[in-house]
């Protein structure tokens, strides 16, 4: 019924392949909405297991899933919503050794990890492979996101190098999905801060919308623009990035 999508757009969604990096606070709403929308194949990579402290924001997981690999818990919930979706799981770290071989299998990548090195790894790999991706990060009451397509601003353009390459990084942590990058290759993570669970839902839903817009060609993506919000004041800002 949406004229910007229609039957042809729904067919595009059905034939699409999307990878979600991190099955935590941001990945939860992303995966639920993509499965519900009918994305044909959804991949999810995360090396963590479901923990009780995660449940206030990682809404795809339940108390019964404690100790279960997050990718398997997420797979179960996506199939419960849409048994026709194909879910591909990677219960492992995303590393420089496997990133390209995994990412190149997908049409669009959704970066939902809280690890700064993993954020940069996703971006660098997508740039090298000419893949589009959505970046998301949350901390306490705030969130930020942008979308990259080939030729537009990527993670390094906006935030610079991660801590492994520089003494400080500008991007906040995201959602507590700490198993998305190998500890042998990871930079130190951002300082551990609390986060309101609903903030993860707010930003993850925006990332899901950007994904579906990319797959269908609808609307204007957040390319060369950084969307930022503060849930305490409900103030939203969009920073336009100058690109040569």
Protein backbone atom coordinates (compact mmCIF):
# COMPACT_ATOMS: atom_id res chain seq x y z
CA UNK A 1 0.00 0.00 0.00
CA UNK A 2 3.01 2.32 0.18
CA UNK A 3 3.45 3.83 -3.27
CA UNK A 4 7.22 4.22 -2.74
CA UNK A 5 7.51 0.45 -2.29
CA UNK A 6 4.59 -1.37 -3.86
CA UNK A 7 4.71 -4.92 -5.20
CA UNK A 8 8.05 -4.43 -6.96
CA UNK A 9 9.64 -3.11 -3.79
CA UNK A 10 8.33 -6.08 -1.84
CA UNK A 11 9.91 -8.40 -4.40
CA UNK A 12 13.22 -6.57 -3.95
CA UNK A 13 12.98 -7.03 -0.19
CA UNK A 14 12.26 -10.74 -0.63
CA UNK A 15 15.28 -11.25 -2.89
CA UNK A 16 17.68 -9.24 -0.68
CA UNK A 17 20.43 -10.43 1.65
CA UNK A 18 21.21 -8.37 4.78
CA UNK A 19 23.94 -8.98 7.37
CA UNK A 20 23.48 -7.74 10.95
CA UNK A 21 26.75 -7.38 12.88
CA UNK A 22 25.88 -7.72 16.56
CA UNK A 23 22.76 -9.38 18.00
CA UNK A 24 22.35 -7.00 20.92
CA UNK A 25 20.40 -3.83 21.67
CA UNK A 26 20.56 -2.35 18.17
CA UNK A 27 20.54 -5.65 16.34
CA UNK A 28 17.38 -6.78 18.15
CA UNK A 29 14.90 -4.32 16.60
CA UNK A 30 16.77 -4.41 13.30
CA UNK A 31 16.38 -8.17 12.98
CA UNK A 32 12.76 -8.21 14.16
CA UNK A 33 11.68 -5.56 11.69
CA UNK A 34 13.65 -6.99 8.77
CA UNK A 35 12.17 -10.44 9.35
CA UNK A 36 8.70 -8.97 9.66
CA UNK A 37 9.21 -6.96 6.46
CA UNK A 38 10.04 -10.12 4.52
CA UNK A 39 13.78 -9.74 3.86
CA UNK A 40 14.65 -13.00 2.13
CA UNK A 41 17.97 -13.77 3.83
CA UNK A 42 19.22 -12.30 7.10
CA UNK A 43 22.71 -13.08 8.35
CA UNK A 44 23.72 -12.39 11.94
CA UNK A 45 27.21 -12.55 13.45
CA UNK A 46 27.88 -12.41 17.19
CA UNK A 47 30.11 -14.53 19.44
CA UNK A 48 28.26 -13.79 22.69
CA UNK A 49 25.64 -15.69 24.63
CA UNK A 50 22.44 -14.26 26.12
CA UNK A 51 23.05 -12.70 29.55
CA UNK A 52 20.51 -11.54 32.12
CA UNK A 53 21.99 -8.03 32.22
CA UNK A 54 21.32 -7.64 28.49
CA UNK A 55 17.57 -8.21 28.53
CA UNK A 56 16.54 -4.64 29.35
CA UNK A 57 17.61 -3.57 25.86
CA UNK A 58 18.18 -6.71 23.76
CA UNK A 59 14.49 -7.38 23.19
CA UNK A 60 14.91 -10.21 20.69
CA UNK A 61 16.15 -12.39 23.58
CA UNK A 62 14.14 -13.75 26.52
CA UNK A 63 14.82 -15.13 29.99
CA UNK A 64 14.49 -18.67 28.69
CA UNK A 65 17.41 -17.98 26.32
CA UNK A 66 20.00 -17.31 29.04
CA UNK A 67 23.27 -19.00 28.11
CA UNK A 68 22.16 -19.58 24.52
CA UNK A 69 24.27 -18.15 21.69
CA UNK A 70 22.68 -14.85 20.71
CA UNK A 71 22.68 -15.80 17.04
CA UNK A 72 20.60 -18.91 17.73
CA UNK A 73 18.21 -17.04 20.02
CA UNK A 74 17.78 -14.37 17.35
CA UNK A 75 17.27 -16.98 14.65
CA UNK A 76 14.45 -18.59 16.65
CA UNK A 77 12.62 -15.27 17.09
CA UNK A 78 12.97 -14.25 13.44
CA UNK A 79 11.60 -17.59 12.26
CA UNK A 80 8.72 -17.27 14.74
CA UNK A 81 7.76 -13.99 13.07
CA UNK A 82 8.38 -15.14 9.51
CA UNK A 83 9.09 -18.84 8.93
CA UNK A 84 9.91 -18.11 5.29
CA UNK A 85 12.99 -15.99 6.08
CA UNK A 86 16.35 -17.67 5.65
CA UNK A 87 18.60 -16.99 8.64
CA UNK A 88 22.34 -17.51 8.35
CA UNK A 89 24.18 -17.50 11.69
CA UNK A 90 27.84 -16.92 12.51
CA UNK A 91 28.60 -17.69 16.16
CA UNK A 92 32.07 -16.23 15.93
CA UNK A 93 34.06 -13.04 16.09
CA UNK A 94 34.23 -10.71 13.12
CA UNK A 95 37.95 -10.38 12.38
CA UNK A 96 40.15 -8.94 9.65
CA UNK A 97 40.64 -12.54 8.52
CA UNK A 98 36.96 -13.36 7.92
CA UNK A 99 35.27 -9.98 7.47
CA UNK A 100 35.54 -9.77 3.69
CA UNK A 101 34.49 -13.37 3.04
CA UNK A 102 31.36 -12.86 5.16
CA UNK A 103 30.42 -9.30 4.19
CA UNK A 104 30.78 -9.84 0.44
CA UNK A 105 27.89 -12.36 0.56
CA UNK A 106 25.35 -9.67 1.42
CA UNK A 107 23.67 -6.69 -0.26
CA UNK A 108 23.56 -4.45 2.81
CA UNK A 109 25.33 -4.50 6.18
CA UNK A 110 23.88 -3.19 9.46
CA UNK A 111 26.61 -2.35 11.99
CA UNK A 112 25.12 -2.91 15.45
CA UNK A 113 28.27 -3.67 17.44
CA UNK A 114 29.50 -1.65 20.41
CA UNK A 115 33.18 -2.31 19.73
CA UNK A 116 34.98 0.63 18.17
CA UNK A 117 37.45 -1.57 16.30
CA UNK A 118 34.59 -3.65 14.92
CA UNK A 119 32.78 -0.52 13.76
CA UNK A 120 35.87 0.54 11.81
CA UNK A 121 36.38 -3.01 10.50
CA UNK A 122 32.83 -3.14 9.14
CA UNK A 123 33.25 0.24 7.49
CA UNK A 124 36.68 -0.50 6.01
CA UNK A 125 35.54 -3.85 4.66
CA UNK A 126 32.37 -2.43 3.15
CA UNK A 127 34.34 0.35 1.47
CA UNK A 128 36.80 -2.17 0.05
CA UNK A 129 33.99 -4.43 -1.16
CA UNK A 130 31.79 -1.55 -2.44
CA UNK A 131 29.01 -2.50 -0.03
CA UNK A 132 26.46 -0.18 1.54
CA UNK A 133 26.00 -0.18 5.32
CA UNK A 134 24.22 1.49 8.23
CA UNK A 135 26.24 2.61 11.24
CA UNK A 136 24.65 2.90 14.66
CA UNK A 137 25.92 3.85 18.10
CA UNK A 138 24.22 4.60 21.42
CA UNK A 139 25.38 5.71 24.85
CA UNK A 140 23.25 6.53 27.89
CA UNK A 141 20.41 8.67 26.42
CA UNK A 142 21.91 9.45 23.02
CA UNK A 143 22.18 7.82 19.64
CA UNK A 144 23.74 8.46 16.25
CA UNK A 145 23.50 6.87 12.84
CA UNK A 146 24.45 7.36 9.21
CA UNK A 147 24.21 5.32 6.03
CA UNK A 148 27.07 4.71 3.64
CA UNK A 149 26.85 3.83 -0.03
CA UNK A 150 29.92 3.72 -2.27
CA UNK A 151 31.33 7.21 -2.75
CA UNK A 152 29.82 8.72 0.41
CA UNK A 153 31.21 9.37 3.91
CA UNK A 154 32.21 6.29 5.88
CA UNK A 155 33.14 5.69 9.53
CA UNK A 156 36.69 7.00 9.24
CA UNK A 157 35.55 10.12 7.37
CA UNK A 158 33.36 11.04 10.33
CA UNK A 159 35.12 9.68 13.42
CA UNK A 160 38.71 9.13 12.38
CA UNK A 161 40.74 6.06 13.40
CA UNK A 162 39.63 3.73 16.22
CA UNK A 163 41.60 3.52 19.50
CA UNK A 164 43.99 0.89 18.13
CA UNK A 165 45.29 3.54 15.76
CA UNK A 166 44.75 6.72 17.77
CA UNK A 167 44.66 7.70 21.44
CA UNK A 168 40.95 8.54 21.39
CA UNK A 169 37.83 7.98 19.32
CA UNK A 170 34.77 10.16 18.89
CA UNK A 171 32.10 7.49 18.46
CA UNK A 172 30.14 6.24 21.46
CA UNK A 173 29.68 2.58 22.26
CA UNK A 174 26.49 1.05 20.99
CA UNK A 175 24.60 -1.74 22.66
CA UNK A 176 26.53 -4.31 24.64
CA UNK A 177 27.15 -6.78 21.82
CA UNK A 178 30.75 -7.26 22.83
CA UNK A 179 31.36 -10.48 20.91
CA UNK A 180 31.56 -9.04 17.42
CA UNK A 181 35.30 -8.67 17.09
CA UNK A 182 38.24 -10.80 18.13
CA UNK A 183 39.94 -9.73 21.34
CA UNK A 184 43.23 -10.44 19.62
CA UNK A 185 42.64 -7.73 17.04
CA UNK A 186 40.29 -5.39 18.88
CA UNK A 187 41.12 -1.94 20.13
CA UNK A 188 40.04 -1.06 23.66
CA UNK A 189 36.31 -0.55 23.79
CA UNK A 190 34.69 2.76 24.61
CA UNK A 191 34.17 3.39 28.33
CA UNK A 192 31.35 1.21 29.64
CA UNK A 193 28.33 3.44 30.20
CA UNK A 194 24.71 2.68 30.93
CA UNK A 195 22.05 2.97 28.26
CA UNK A 196 18.29 3.33 28.41
CA UNK A 197 16.89 0.25 26.72
CA UNK A 198 14.35 2.22 24.72
CA UNK A 199 17.17 4.26 23.14
CA UNK A 200 18.47 1.07 21.54
CA UNK A 201 14.99 0.49 20.16
CA UNK A 202 14.77 4.04 18.82
CA UNK A 203 18.04 3.86 16.92
CA UNK A 204 17.70 0.26 15.80
CA UNK A 205 14.33 1.05 14.29
CA UNK A 206 15.88 3.91 12.33
CA UNK A 207 18.58 1.56 11.05
CA UNK A 208 15.91 -0.95 9.99
CA UNK A 209 14.08 1.79 8.10
CA UNK A 210 17.28 2.86 6.34
CA UNK A 211 17.92 -0.76 5.36
CA UNK A 212 14.47 -1.16 3.81
CA UNK A 213 14.79 2.18 2.03
CA UNK A 214 18.09 1.08 0.52
CA UNK A 215 16.71 -2.26 -0.60
CA UNK A 216 13.69 -0.69 -2.29
CA UNK A 217 15.18 2.60 -3.48
CA UNK A 218 12.56 4.56 -1.51
CA UNK A 219 13.18 8.00 -0.05
CA UNK A 220 16.43 9.73 0.86
CA UNK A 221 19.09 7.84 2.78
CA UNK A 222 21.23 9.27 5.58
CA UNK A 223 24.25 9.47 3.30
CA UNK A 224 26.73 12.27 4.06
CA UNK A 225 24.52 13.08 7.04
CA UNK A 226 24.88 12.11 10.69
CA UNK A 227 21.60 11.87 12.60
CA UNK A 228 21.96 12.44 16.35
CA UNK A 229 19.35 12.47 19.08
CA UNK A 230 19.07 12.92 22.84
CA UNK A 231 16.16 11.00 24.36
CA UNK A 232 16.25 13.12 27.54
CA UNK A 233 15.19 16.20 25.60
CA UNK A 234 13.84 14.41 22.50
CA UNK A 235 15.98 16.70 20.40
CA UNK A 236 17.03 15.39 16.98
CA UNK A 237 19.79 16.96 14.89
CA UNK A 238 21.19 16.12 11.47
CA UNK A 239 24.78 17.12 10.71
CA UNK A 240 25.44 17.50 6.99
CA UNK A 241 28.91 16.34 6.04
CA UNK A 242 30.84 18.20 3.35
CA UNK A 243 32.30 15.72 0.86
CA UNK A 244 34.49 16.66 -2.10
